Amino acid sequence: TNPFTNKGVVWDGNNPIHRDEFDQNFYRGPDDDELDGAI
């Protein structure tokens, strides 16, 4: 969240991942082992 606008930092939070109209499908990515615990 952007602390100045209280909206998301990407497209003001209007993202497919936050929309009920979209079924969400998570997959392991190519860099999962490197990213594990990084963020």
Full PDB file with SEQRES, HELIX, SHEET, SSBOND, CRYST1, ORIGX, SCALE, CONECT and MASTER records, all heavy atoms in Angstrom:
SEQRES   1 A   39  THR ASN PRO PHE THR ASN LYS GLY VAL VAL TRP ASP GLY          
SEQRES   2 A   39  ASN ASN PRO ILE HIS ARG ASP GLU PHE ASP GLN ASN PHE          
SEQRES   3 A   39  TYR ARG GLY PRO ASP ASP ASP GLU LEU ASP GLY ALA ILE          
HELIX    1 AA1 TRP A   11  GLY A   13  5                                   3    
HELIX    2 AA2 PRO A   16  HIS A   18  5                                   3    
HELIX    3 AA3 ASP A   32  LEU A   35  1                                   4    
CRYST1    1.000    1.000    1.000  90.00  90.00  90.00 P 1           1          
ORIGX1      1.000000  0.000000  0.000000        0.00000                         
ORIGX2      0.000000  1.000000  0.000000        0.00000                         
ORIGX3      0.000000  0.000000  1.000000        0.00000                         
SCALE1      1.000000  0.000000  0.000000        0.00000                         
SCALE2      0.000000  1.000000  0.000000        0.00000                         
SCALE3      0.000000  0.000000  1.000000        0.00000                         
ATOM      1  N   THR A   1       0.837  -1.202   0.000  1.00  0.00           N  
ATOM      2  CA  THR A   1       0.000   0.000   0.000  1.00  0.00           C  
ATOM      3  C   THR A   1       0.865   1.244   0.000  1.00  0.00           C  
ATOM      4  O   THR A   1       1.829   1.340   0.756  1.00  0.00           O  
ATOM      5  CB  THR A   1      -0.910   0.016   1.246  1.00  0.00           C  
ATOM      6  OG1 THR A   1      -1.712  -1.164   1.246  1.00  0.00           O  
ATOM      7  CG2 THR A   1      -1.809   1.233   1.263  1.00  0.00           C  
ATOM      8  N   ASN A   2       0.511   2.207  -0.844  1.00  0.00           N  
ATOM      9  CA  ASN A   2       1.182   3.497  -0.872  1.00  0.00           C  
ATOM     10  C   ASN A   2       0.748   4.266   0.373  1.00  0.00           C  
ATOM     11  O   ASN A   2      -0.441   4.523   0.559  1.00  0.00           O  
ATOM     12  CB  ASN A   2       0.772   4.251  -2.144  1.00  0.00           C  
ATOM     13  CG  ASN A   2       1.419   5.605  -2.264  1.00  0.00           C  
ATOM     14  OD1 ASN A   2       1.668   6.294  -1.284  1.00  0.00           O  
ATOM     15  ND2 ASN A   2       1.678   6.006  -3.490  1.00  0.00           N  
ATOM     16  N   PRO A   3       1.678   4.655   1.244  1.00  0.00           N  
ATOM     17  CA  PRO A   3       1.297   5.325   2.491  1.00  0.00           C  
ATOM     18  C   PRO A   3       0.686   6.709   2.283  1.00  0.00           C  
ATOM     19  O   PRO A   3       0.011   7.224   3.173  1.00  0.00           O  
ATOM     20  CB  PRO A   3       2.606   5.414   3.267  1.00  0.00           C  
ATOM     21  CG  PRO A   3       3.676   5.334   2.243  1.00  0.00           C  
ATOM     22  CD  PRO A   3       3.123   4.484   1.130  1.00  0.00           C  
ATOM     23  N   PHE A   4       0.880   7.310   1.125  1.00  0.00           N  
ATOM     24  CA  PHE A   4       0.337   8.646   0.866  1.00  0.00           C  
ATOM     25  C   PHE A   4      -1.093   8.603   0.325  1.00  0.00           C  
ATOM     26  O   PHE A   4      -1.887   9.495   0.588  1.00  0.00           O  
ATOM     27  CB  PHE A   4       1.237   9.414  -0.105  1.00  0.00           C  
ATOM     28  CG  PHE A   4       2.633   9.590   0.429  1.00  0.00           C  
ATOM     29  CD1 PHE A   4       3.674   8.835  -0.074  1.00  0.00           C  
ATOM     30  CD2 PHE A   4       2.894  10.493   1.447  1.00  0.00           C  
ATOM     31  CE1 PHE A   4       4.959   8.981   0.422  1.00  0.00           C  
ATOM     32  CE2 PHE A   4       4.174  10.643   1.961  1.00  0.00           C  
ATOM     33  CZ  PHE A   4       5.215   9.894   1.441  1.00  0.00           C  
ATOM     34  N   THR A   5      -1.406   7.565  -0.459  1.00  0.00           N  
ATOM     35  CA  THR A   5      -2.738   7.479  -1.070  1.00  0.00           C  
ATOM     36  C   THR A   5      -3.623   6.411  -0.431  1.00  0.00           C  
ATOM     37  O   THR A   5      -4.825   6.384  -0.684  1.00  0.00           O  
ATOM     38  CB  THR A   5      -2.623   7.160  -2.570  1.00  0.00           C  
ATOM     39  OG1 THR A   5      -2.037   5.858  -2.722  1.00  0.00           O  
ATOM     40  CG2 THR A   5      -1.804   8.207  -3.304  1.00  0.00           C  
ATOM     41  N   ASN A   6      -3.013   5.520   0.358  1.00  0.00           N  
ATOM     42  CA  ASN A   6      -3.713   4.363   0.931  1.00  0.00           C  
ATOM     43  C   ASN A   6      -4.298   3.453  -0.143  1.00  0.00           C  
ATOM     44  O   ASN A   6      -5.261   2.741   0.087  1.00  0.00           O  
ATOM     45  CB  ASN A   6      -4.788   4.783   1.932  1.00  0.00           C  
ATOM     46  CG  ASN A   6      -4.186   5.261   3.224  1.00  0.00           C  
ATOM     47  OD1 ASN A   6      -3.134   4.782   3.640  1.00  0.00           O  
ATOM     48  ND2 ASN A   6      -4.829   6.221   3.849  1.00  0.00           N  
ATOM     49  N   LYS A   7      -3.721   3.501  -1.334  1.00  0.00           N  
ATOM     50  CA  LYS A   7      -4.091   2.602  -2.419  1.00  0.00           C  
ATOM     51  C   LYS A   7      -2.888   1.731  -2.726  1.00  0.00           C  
ATOM     52  O   LYS A   7      -1.783   2.001  -2.281  1.00  0.00           O  
ATOM     53  CB  LYS A   7      -4.505   3.393  -3.665  1.00  0.00           C  
ATOM     54  CG  LYS A   7      -5.756   4.223  -3.478  1.00  0.00           C  
ATOM     55  CD  LYS A   7      -6.106   4.939  -4.755  1.00  0.00           C  
ATOM     56  CE  LYS A   7      -7.369   5.748  -4.583  1.00  0.00           C  
ATOM     57  NZ  LYS A   7      -7.746   6.420  -5.832  1.00  0.00           N  
ATOM     58  N   GLY A   8      -3.092   0.719  -3.524  1.00  0.00           N  
ATOM     59  CA  GLY A   8      -1.985  -0.141  -3.910  1.00  0.00           C  
ATOM     60  C   GLY A   8      -0.942   0.609  -4.716  1.00  0.00           C  
ATOM     61  O   GLY A   8      -1.262   1.592  -5.389  1.00  0.00           O  
ATOM     62  N   VAL A   9       0.301   0.141  -4.659  1.00  0.00           N  
ATOM     63  CA  VAL A   9       1.369   0.817  -5.386  1.00  0.00           C  
ATOM     64  C   VAL A   9       1.388   0.454  -6.872  1.00  0.00           C  
ATOM     65  O   VAL A   9       1.997   1.157  -7.661  1.00  0.00           O  
ATOM     66  CB  VAL A   9       2.762   0.558  -4.762  1.00  0.00           C  
ATOM     67  CG1 VAL A   9       2.845   1.117  -3.368  1.00  0.00           C  
ATOM     68  CG2 VAL A   9       3.103  -0.917  -4.766  1.00  0.00           C  
ATOM     69  N   VAL A  10       0.717  -0.619  -7.255  1.00  0.00           N  
ATOM     70  CA  VAL A  10       0.635  -1.028  -8.658  1.00  0.00           C  
ATOM     71  C   VAL A  10      -0.807  -0.840  -9.112  1.00  0.00           C  
ATOM     72  O   VAL A  10      -1.725  -1.455  -8.577  1.00  0.00           O  
ATOM     73  CB  VAL A  10       1.066  -2.498  -8.844  1.00  0.00           C  
ATOM     74  CG1 VAL A  10       0.947  -2.920 -10.305  1.00  0.00           C  
ATOM     75  CG2 VAL A  10       2.480  -2.726  -8.333  1.00  0.00           C  
ATOM     76  N   TRP A  11      -1.018   0.060 -10.064  1.00  0.00           N  
ATOM     77  CA  TRP A  11      -2.354   0.350 -10.616  1.00  0.00           C  
ATOM     78  C   TRP A  11      -3.333   0.720  -9.506  1.00  0.00           C  
ATOM     79  O   TRP A  11      -4.500   0.341  -9.546  1.00  0.00           O  
ATOM     80  CB  TRP A  11      -2.880  -0.830 -11.427  1.00  0.00           C  
ATOM     81  CG  TRP A  11      -2.303  -0.941 -12.805  1.00  0.00           C  
ATOM     82  CD1 TRP A  11      -1.078  -1.446 -13.140  1.00  0.00           C  
ATOM     83  CD2 TRP A  11      -2.912  -0.542 -14.026  1.00  0.00           C  
ATOM     84  NE1 TRP A  11      -0.899  -1.387 -14.492  1.00  0.00           N  
ATOM     85  CE2 TRP A  11      -2.019  -0.834 -15.059  1.00  0.00           C  
ATOM     86  CE3 TRP A  11      -4.124   0.035 -14.340  1.00  0.00           C  
ATOM     87  CZ2 TRP A  11      -2.296  -0.570 -16.386  1.00  0.00           C  
ATOM     88  CZ3 TRP A  11      -4.403   0.292 -15.662  1.00  0.00           C  
ATOM     89  CH2 TRP A  11      -3.494  -0.013 -16.673  1.00  0.00           C  
ATOM     90  N   ASP A  12      -2.884   1.406  -8.501  1.00  0.00           N  
ATOM     91  CA  ASP A  12      -3.724   1.817  -7.360  1.00  0.00           C  
ATOM     92  C   ASP A  12      -4.432   0.641  -6.707  1.00  0.00           C  
ATOM     93  O   ASP A  12      -5.493   0.786  -6.109  1.00  0.00           O  
ATOM     94  CB  ASP A  12      -4.759   2.866  -7.780  1.00  0.00           C  
ATOM     95  CG  ASP A  12      -4.136   4.220  -8.072  1.00  0.00           C  
ATOM     96  OD1 ASP A  12      -3.046   4.505  -7.526  1.00  0.00           O  
ATOM     97  OD2 ASP A  12      -4.738   4.999  -8.835  1.00  0.00           O  
ATOM     98  N   GLY A  13      -3.840  -0.545  -6.803  1.00  0.00           N  
ATOM     99  CA  GLY A  13      -4.424  -1.736  -6.192  1.00  0.00           C  
ATOM    100  C   GLY A  13      -5.501  -2.407  -7.024  1.00  0.00           C  
ATOM    101  O   GLY A  13      -6.106  -3.383  -6.593  1.00  0.00           O  
ATOM    102  N   ASN A  14      -5.738  -1.903  -8.228  1.00  0.00           N  
ATOM    103  CA  ASN A  14      -6.751  -2.491  -9.104  1.00  0.00           C  
ATOM    104  C   ASN A  14      -6.068  -3.543  -9.980  1.00  0.00           C  
ATOM    105  O   ASN A  14      -5.768  -3.312 -11.145  1.00  0.00           O  
ATOM    106  CB  ASN A  14      -7.425  -1.402  -9.952  1.00  0.00           C  
ATOM    107  CG  ASN A  14      -8.696  -1.890 -10.592  1.00  0.00           C  
ATOM    108  OD1 ASN A  14      -9.270  -2.897 -10.187  1.00  0.00           O  
ATOM    109  ND2 ASN A  14      -9.142  -1.183 -11.607  1.00  0.00           N  
ATOM    110  N   ASN A  15      -5.798  -4.709  -9.380  1.00  0.00           N  
ATOM    111  CA  ASN A  15      -5.051  -5.781 -10.024  1.00  0.00           C  
ATOM    112  C   ASN A  15      -5.917  -7.033 -10.136  1.00  0.00           C  
ATOM    113  O   ASN A  15      -6.758  -7.279  -9.270  1.00  0.00           O  
ATOM    114  CB  ASN A  15      -3.807  -6.134  -9.206  1.00  0.00           C  
ATOM    115  CG  ASN A  15      -3.104  -4.922  -8.664  1.00  0.00           C  
ATOM    116  OD1 ASN A  15      -3.181  -4.663  -7.467  1.00  0.00           O  
ATOM    117  ND2 ASN A  15      -2.443  -4.169  -9.504  1.00  0.00           N  
ATOM    118  N   PRO A  16      -5.704  -7.860 -11.160  1.00  0.00           N  
ATOM    119  CA  PRO A  16      -6.480  -9.096 -11.269  1.00  0.00           C  
ATOM    120  C   PRO A  16      -6.416  -9.963 -10.006  1.00  0.00           C  
ATOM    121  O   PRO A  16      -7.394 -10.611  -9.658  1.00  0.00           O  
ATOM    122  CB  PRO A  16      -5.845  -9.811 -12.464  1.00  0.00           C  
ATOM    123  CG  PRO A  16      -5.319  -8.709 -13.313  1.00  0.00           C  
ATOM    124  CD  PRO A  16      -4.832  -7.671 -12.330  1.00  0.00           C  
ATOM    125  N   ILE A  17      -5.290  -9.932  -9.314  1.00  0.00           N  
ATOM    126  CA  ILE A  17      -5.153 -10.773  -8.125  1.00  0.00           C  
ATOM    127  C   ILE A  17      -6.066 -10.311  -6.979  1.00  0.00           C  
ATOM    128  O   ILE A  17      -6.374 -11.069  -6.069  1.00  0.00           O  
ATOM    129  CB  ILE A  17      -3.671 -10.846  -7.677  1.00  0.00           C  
ATOM    130  CG1 ILE A  17      -3.448 -12.089  -6.842  1.00  0.00           C  
ATOM    131  CG2 ILE A  17      -3.244  -9.585  -6.970  1.00  0.00           C  
ATOM    132  CD1 ILE A  17      -2.015 -12.450  -6.655  1.00  0.00           C  
ATOM    133  N   HIS A  18      -6.533  -9.075  -7.049  1.00  0.00           N  
ATOM    134  CA  HIS A  18      -7.425  -8.542  -6.020  1.00  0.00           C  
ATOM    135  C   HIS A  18      -8.877  -8.460  -6.478  1.00  0.00           C  
ATOM    136  O   HIS A  18      -9.707  -7.912  -5.764  1.00  0.00           O  
ATOM    137  CB  HIS A  18      -6.965  -7.138  -5.599  1.00  0.00           C  
ATOM    138  CG  HIS A  18      -5.618  -7.131  -4.963  1.00  0.00           C  
ATOM    139  ND1 HIS A  18      -5.356  -7.732  -3.766  1.00  0.00           N  
ATOM    140  CD2 HIS A  18      -4.446  -6.598  -5.378  1.00  0.00           C  
ATOM    141  CE1 HIS A  18      -4.086  -7.566  -3.457  1.00  0.00           C  
ATOM    142  NE2 HIS A  18      -3.510  -6.888  -4.426  1.00  0.00           N  
ATOM    143  N   ARG A  19      -9.174  -8.963  -7.646  1.00  0.00           N  
ATOM    144  CA  ARG A  19     -10.532  -8.868  -8.194  1.00  0.00           C  
ATOM    145  C   ARG A  19     -11.246 -10.204  -8.042  1.00  0.00           C  
ATOM    146  O   ARG A  19     -10.732 -11.253  -8.441  1.00  0.00           O  
ATOM    147  CB  ARG A  19     -10.487  -8.482  -9.679  1.00  0.00           C  
ATOM    148  CG  ARG A  19      -9.851  -7.131  -9.995  1.00  0.00           C  
ATOM    149  CD  ARG A  19     -10.691  -5.971  -9.548  1.00  0.00           C  
ATOM    150  NE  ARG A  19     -12.002  -5.977 -10.160  1.00  0.00           N  
ATOM    151  CZ  ARG A  19     -12.457  -5.016 -10.948  1.00  0.00           C  
ATOM    152  NH1 ARG A  19     -11.713  -3.960 -11.216  1.00  0.00           N  
ATOM    153  NH2 ARG A  19     -13.665  -5.100 -11.456  1.00  0.00           N  
ATOM    154  N   ASP A  20     -12.443 -10.166  -7.484  1.00  0.00           N  
ATOM    155  CA  ASP A  20     -13.228 -11.382  -7.283  1.00  0.00           C  
ATOM    156  C   ASP A  20     -13.633 -12.047  -8.593  1.00  0.00           C  
ATOM    157  O   ASP A  20     -13.944 -13.235  -8.617  1.00  0.00           O  
ATOM    158  CB  ASP A  20     -14.488 -11.074  -6.471  1.00  0.00           C  
ATOM    159  CG  ASP A  20     -14.173 -10.714  -5.030  1.00  0.00           C  
ATOM    160  OD1 ASP A  20     -13.104 -11.110  -4.522  1.00  0.00           O  
ATOM    161  OD2 ASP A  20     -14.999 -10.023  -4.412  1.00  0.00           O  
ATOM    162  N   GLU A  21     -13.644 -11.288  -9.689  1.00  0.00           N  
ATOM    163  CA  GLU A  21     -14.047 -11.850 -10.978  1.00  0.00           C  
ATOM    164  C   GLU A  21     -13.035 -12.863 -11.515  1.00  0.00           C  
ATOM    165  O   GLU A  21     -13.358 -13.663 -12.384  1.00  0.00           O  
ATOM    166  CB  GLU A  21     -14.202 -10.737 -12.031  1.00  0.00           C  
ATOM    167  CG  GLU A  21     -15.257  -9.721 -11.712  1.00  0.00           C  
ATOM    168  CD  GLU A  21     -14.737  -8.530 -10.906  1.00  0.00           C  
ATOM    169  OE1 GLU A  21     -13.555  -8.529 -10.516  1.00  0.00           O  
ATOM    170  OE2 GLU A  21     -15.521  -7.609 -10.677  1.00  0.00           O  
ATOM    171  N   PHE A  22     -11.812 -12.824 -11.009  1.00  0.00           N  
ATOM    172  CA  PHE A  22     -10.740 -13.686 -11.505  1.00  0.00           C  
ATOM    173  C   PHE A  22     -10.521 -14.880 -10.586  1.00  0.00           C  
ATOM    174  O   PHE A  22     -10.312 -14.710  -9.386  1.00  0.00           O  
ATOM    175  CB  PHE A  22      -9.421 -12.907 -11.598  1.00  0.00           C  
ATOM    176  CG  PHE A  22      -9.375 -11.921 -12.721  1.00  0.00           C  
ATOM    177  CD1 PHE A  22      -9.906 -10.642 -12.565  1.00  0.00           C  
ATOM    178  CD2 PHE A  22      -8.792 -12.248 -13.939  1.00  0.00           C  
ATOM    179  CE1 PHE A  22      -9.862  -9.718 -13.595  1.00  0.00           C  
ATOM    180  CE2 PHE A  22      -8.738 -11.333 -14.977  1.00  0.00           C  
ATOM    181  CZ  PHE A  22      -9.285 -10.066 -14.804  1.00  0.00           C  
ATOM    182  N   ASP A  23     -10.553 -16.089 -11.154  1.00  0.00           N  
ATOM    183  CA  ASP A  23     -10.084 -17.264 -10.431  1.00  0.00           C  
ATOM    184  C   ASP A  23      -8.577 -17.137 -10.321  1.00  0.00           C  
ATOM    185  O   ASP A  23      -7.912 -16.770 -11.297  1.00  0.00           O  
ATOM    186  CB  ASP A  23     -10.428 -18.559 -11.175  1.00  0.00           C  
ATOM    187  CG  ASP A  23     -11.910 -18.861 -11.168  1.00  0.00           C  
ATOM    188  OD1 ASP A  23     -12.599 -18.475 -10.208  1.00  0.00           O  
ATOM    189  OD2 ASP A  23     -12.368 -19.495 -12.139  1.00  0.00           O  
ATOM    190  N   GLN A  24      -8.027 -17.424  -9.151  1.00  0.00           N  
ATOM    191  CA  GLN A  24      -6.592 -17.269  -8.928  1.00  0.00           C  
ATOM    192  C   GLN A  24      -5.888 -18.618  -9.018  1.00  0.00           C  
ATOM    193  O   GLN A  24      -6.342 -19.596  -8.422  1.00  0.00           O  
ATOM    194  CB  GLN A  24      -6.329 -16.633  -7.559  1.00  0.00           C  
ATOM    195  CG  GLN A  24      -7.008 -15.296  -7.372  1.00  0.00           C  
ATOM    196  CD  GLN A  24      -6.525 -14.245  -8.352  1.00  0.00           C  
ATOM    197  OE1 GLN A  24      -5.367 -14.216  -8.741  1.00  0.00           O  
ATOM    198  NE2 GLN A  24      -7.435 -13.369  -8.762  1.00  0.00           N  
ATOM    199  N   ASN A  25      -4.791 -18.665  -9.758  1.00  0.00           N  
ATOM    200  CA  ASN A  25      -4.028 -19.891  -9.967  1.00  0.00           C  
ATOM    201  C   ASN A  25      -2.555 -19.607  -9.734  1.00  0.00           C  
ATOM    202  O   ASN A  25      -1.911 -18.964 -10.557  1.00  0.00           O  
ATOM    203  CB  ASN A  25      -4.245 -20.399 -11.395  1.00  0.00           C  
ATOM    204  CG  ASN A  25      -5.707 -20.646 -11.688  1.00  0.00           C  
ATOM    205  OD1 ASN A  25      -6.233 -21.670 -11.323  1.00  0.00           O  
ATOM    206  ND2 ASN A  25      -6.364 -19.686 -12.314  1.00  0.00           N  
ATOM    207  N   PHE A  26      -2.020 -20.080  -8.596  1.00  0.00           N  
ATOM    208  CA  PHE A  26      -0.624 -19.858  -8.236  1.00  0.00           C  
ATOM    209  C   PHE A  26       0.214 -21.034  -8.715  1.00  0.00           C  
ATOM    210  O   PHE A  26      -0.164 -22.191  -8.543  1.00  0.00           O  
ATOM    211  CB  PHE A  26      -0.500 -19.701  -6.718  1.00  0.00           C  
ATOM    212  CG  PHE A  26       0.911 -19.714  -6.231  1.00  0.00           C  
ATOM    213  CD1 PHE A  26       1.723 -18.613  -6.395  1.00  0.00           C  
ATOM    214  CD2 PHE A  26       1.435 -20.832  -5.611  1.00  0.00           C  
ATOM    215  CE1 PHE A  26       3.027 -18.613  -5.951  1.00  0.00           C  
ATOM    216  CE2 PHE A  26       2.743 -20.850  -5.163  1.00  0.00           C  
ATOM    217  CZ  PHE A  26       3.541 -19.738  -5.339  1.00  0.00           C  
ATOM    218  N   TYR A  27       1.365 -20.733  -9.306  1.00  0.00           N  
ATOM    219  CA  TYR A  27       2.289 -21.761  -9.783  1.00  0.00           C  
ATOM    220  C   TYR A  27       3.680 -21.470  -9.249  1.00  0.00           C  
ATOM    221  O   TYR A  27       4.037 -20.321  -9.003  1.00  0.00           O  
ATOM    222  CB  TYR A  27       2.335 -21.773 -11.325  1.00  0.00           C  
ATOM    223  CG  TYR A  27       1.006 -22.111 -11.939  1.00  0.00           C  
ATOM    224  CD1 TYR A  27       0.092 -21.120 -12.267  1.00  0.00           C  
ATOM    225  CD2 TYR A  27       0.661 -23.436 -12.164  1.00  0.00           C  
ATOM    226  CE1 TYR A  27      -1.143 -21.443 -12.814  1.00  0.00           C  
ATOM    227  CE2 TYR A  27      -0.565 -23.764 -12.711  1.00  0.00           C  
ATOM    228  CZ  TYR A  27      -1.462 -22.760 -13.029  1.00  0.00           C  
ATOM    229  OH  TYR A  27      -2.682 -23.082 -13.567  1.00  0.00           O  
ATOM    230  N   ARG A  28       4.472 -22.517  -9.086  1.00  0.00           N  
ATOM    231  CA  ARG A  28       5.877 -22.305  -8.718  1.00  0.00           C  
ATOM    232  C   ARG A  28       6.565 -21.615  -9.886  1.00  0.00           C  
ATOM    233  O   ARG A  28       6.348 -21.955 -11.033  1.00  0.00           O  
ATOM    234  CB  ARG A  28       6.571 -23.620  -8.402  1.00  0.00           C  
ATOM    235  CG  ARG A  28       6.138 -24.151  -7.035  1.00  0.00           C  
ATOM    236  CD  ARG A  28       7.006 -25.277  -6.525  1.00  0.00           C  
ATOM    237  NE  ARG A  28       8.432 -24.992  -6.494  1.00  0.00           N  
ATOM    238  CZ  ARG A  28       9.073 -24.325  -5.528  1.00  0.00           C  
ATOM    239  NH1 ARG A  28       8.403 -23.822  -4.534  1.00  0.00           N  
ATOM    240  NH2 ARG A  28      10.370 -24.164  -5.568  1.00  0.00           N  
ATOM    241  N   GLY A  29       7.391 -20.627  -9.581  1.00  0.00           N  
ATOM    242  CA  GLY A  29       8.076 -19.864 -10.608  1.00  0.00           C  
ATOM    243  C   GLY A  29       9.503 -20.325 -10.827  1.00  0.00           C  
ATOM    244  O   GLY A  29      10.035 -21.150 -10.082  1.00  0.00           O  
ATOM    245  N   PRO A  30      10.143 -19.778 -11.846  1.00  0.00           N  
ATOM    246  CA  PRO A  30      11.494 -20.191 -12.203  1.00  0.00           C  
ATOM    247  C   PRO A  30      12.541 -19.817 -11.163  1.00  0.00           C  
ATOM    248  O   PRO A  30      13.611 -20.428 -11.126  1.00  0.00           O  
ATOM    249  CB  PRO A  30      11.755 -19.466 -13.529  1.00  0.00           C  
ATOM    250  CG  PRO A  30      10.831 -18.296 -13.502  1.00  0.00           C  
ATOM    251  CD  PRO A  30       9.626 -18.736 -12.732  1.00  0.00           C  
ATOM    252  N   ASP A  31      12.261 -18.836 -10.314  1.00  0.00           N  
ATOM    253  CA  ASP A  31      13.252 -18.379  -9.347  1.00  0.00           C  
ATOM    254  C   ASP A  31      12.832 -18.643  -7.903  1.00  0.00           C  
ATOM    255  O   ASP A  31      13.349 -18.019  -6.983  1.00  0.00           O  
ATOM    256  CB  ASP A  31      13.512 -16.878  -9.533  1.00  0.00           C  
ATOM    257  CG  ASP A  31      14.056 -16.562 -10.914  1.00  0.00           C  
ATOM    258  OD1 ASP A  31      14.958 -17.298 -11.364  1.00  0.00           O  
ATOM    259  OD2 ASP A  31      13.578 -15.605 -11.538  1.00  0.00           O  
ATOM    260  N   ASP A  32      11.899 -19.564  -7.677  1.00  0.00           N  
ATOM    261  CA  ASP A  32      11.402 -19.804  -6.323  1.00  0.00           C  
ATOM    262  C   ASP A  32      12.505 -20.170  -5.328  1.00  0.00           C  
ATOM    263  O   ASP A  32      12.506 -19.689  -4.206  1.00  0.00           O  
ATOM    264  CB  ASP A  32      10.332 -20.887  -6.316  1.00  0.00           C  
ATOM    265  CG  ASP A  32       8.987 -20.365  -6.775  1.00  0.00           C  
ATOM    266  OD1 ASP A  32       8.900 -19.172  -7.123  1.00  0.00           O  
ATOM    267  OD2 ASP A  32       8.026 -21.142  -6.789  1.00  0.00           O  
ATOM    268  N   ASP A  33      13.451 -21.004  -5.749  1.00  0.00           N  
ATOM    269  CA  ASP A  33      14.518 -21.396  -4.823  1.00  0.00           C  
ATOM    270  C   ASP A  33      15.379 -20.203  -4.431  1.00  0.00           C  
ATOM    271  O   ASP A  33      15.769 -20.064  -3.278  1.00  0.00           O  
ATOM    272  CB  ASP A  33      15.384 -22.495  -5.430  1.00  0.00           C  
ATOM    273  CG  ASP A  33      14.626 -23.807  -5.580  1.00  0.00           C  
ATOM    274  OD1 ASP A  33      13.645 -24.016  -4.825  1.00  0.00           O  
ATOM    275  OD2 ASP A  33      14.994 -24.597  -6.454  1.00  0.00           O  
ATOM    276  N   GLU A  34      15.662 -19.305  -5.366  1.00  0.00           N  
ATOM    277  CA  GLU A  34      16.475 -18.129  -5.067  1.00  0.00           C  
ATOM    278  C   GLU A  34      15.703 -17.104  -4.244  1.00  0.00           C  
ATOM    279  O   GLU A  34      16.257 -16.391  -3.433  1.00  0.00           O  
ATOM    280  CB  GLU A  34      16.984 -17.460  -6.356  1.00  0.00           C  
ATOM    281  CG  GLU A  34      18.023 -18.270  -7.101  1.00  0.00           C  
ATOM    282  CD  GLU A  34      17.418 -19.380  -7.965  1.00  0.00           C  
ATOM    283  OE1 GLU A  34      16.187 -19.403  -8.162  1.00  0.00           O  
ATOM    284  OE2 GLU A  34      18.176 -20.240  -8.423  1.00  0.00           O  
ATOM    285  N   LEU A  35      14.390 -16.988  -4.490  1.00  0.00           N  
ATOM    286  CA  LEU A  35      13.574 -15.999  -3.797  1.00  0.00           C  
ATOM    287  C   LEU A  35      13.105 -16.462  -2.424  1.00  0.00           C  
ATOM    288  O   LEU A  35      12.664 -15.655  -1.630  1.00  0.00           O  
ATOM    289  CB  LEU A  35      12.344 -15.642  -4.637  1.00  0.00           C  
ATOM    290  CG  LEU A  35      12.608 -14.856  -5.902  1.00  0.00           C  
ATOM    291  CD1 LEU A  35      11.327 -14.734  -6.721  1.00  0.00           C  
ATOM    292  CD2 LEU A  35      13.149 -13.478  -5.571  1.00  0.00           C  
ATOM    293  N   ASP A  36      13.192 -17.748  -2.143  1.00  0.00           N  
ATOM    294  CA  ASP A  36      12.679 -18.279  -0.890  1.00  0.00           C  
ATOM    295  C   ASP A  36      13.241 -17.510   0.297  1.00  0.00           C  
ATOM    296  O   ASP A  36      14.437 -17.517   0.560  1.00  0.00           O  
ATOM    297  CB  ASP A  36      13.012 -19.762  -0.762  1.00  0.00           C  
ATOM    298  CG  ASP A  36      12.349 -20.381   0.449  1.00  0.00           C  
ATOM    299  OD1 ASP A  36      11.237 -19.946   0.798  1.00  0.00           O  
ATOM    300  OD2 ASP A  36      12.948 -21.287   1.048  1.00  0.00           O  
ATOM    301  N   GLY A  37      12.370 -16.782   0.969  1.00  0.00           N  
ATOM    302  CA  GLY A  37      12.768 -16.017   2.140  1.00  0.00           C  
ATOM    303  C   GLY A  37      13.369 -14.660   1.847  1.00  0.00           C  
ATOM    304  O   GLY A  37      13.651 -13.900   2.763  1.00  0.00           O  
ATOM    305  N   ALA A  38      13.563 -14.308   0.572  1.00  0.00           N  
ATOM    306  CA  ALA A  38      14.204 -13.038   0.246  1.00  0.00           C  
ATOM    307  C   ALA A  38      13.304 -11.854   0.583  1.00  0.00           C  
ATOM    308  O   ALA A  38      13.778 -10.839   1.077  1.00  0.00           O  
ATOM    309  CB  ALA A  38      14.581 -12.998  -1.236  1.00  0.00           C  
ATOM    310  N   ILE A  39      12.025 -11.956   0.313  1.00  0.00           N  
ATOM    311  CA  ILE A  39      11.095 -10.870   0.640  1.00  0.00           C  
ATOM    312  C   ILE A  39      10.111 -11.391   1.676  1.00  0.00           C  
ATOM    313  O   ILE A  39      10.112 -10.969   2.805  1.00  0.00           O  
ATOM    314  CB  ILE A  39      10.358 -10.367  -0.626  1.00  0.00           C  
ATOM    315  CG1 ILE A  39      11.378  -9.863  -1.649  1.00  0.00           C  
ATOM    316  CG2 ILE A  39       9.386  -9.259  -0.271  1.00  0.00           C  
ATOM    317  CD1 ILE A  39      10.779  -9.494  -2.989  1.00  0.00           C  
TER     318      ILE A  39                                                      
MASTER        0    0    0    3    0    0    0    6  317    1    0    3          
END                                                                             
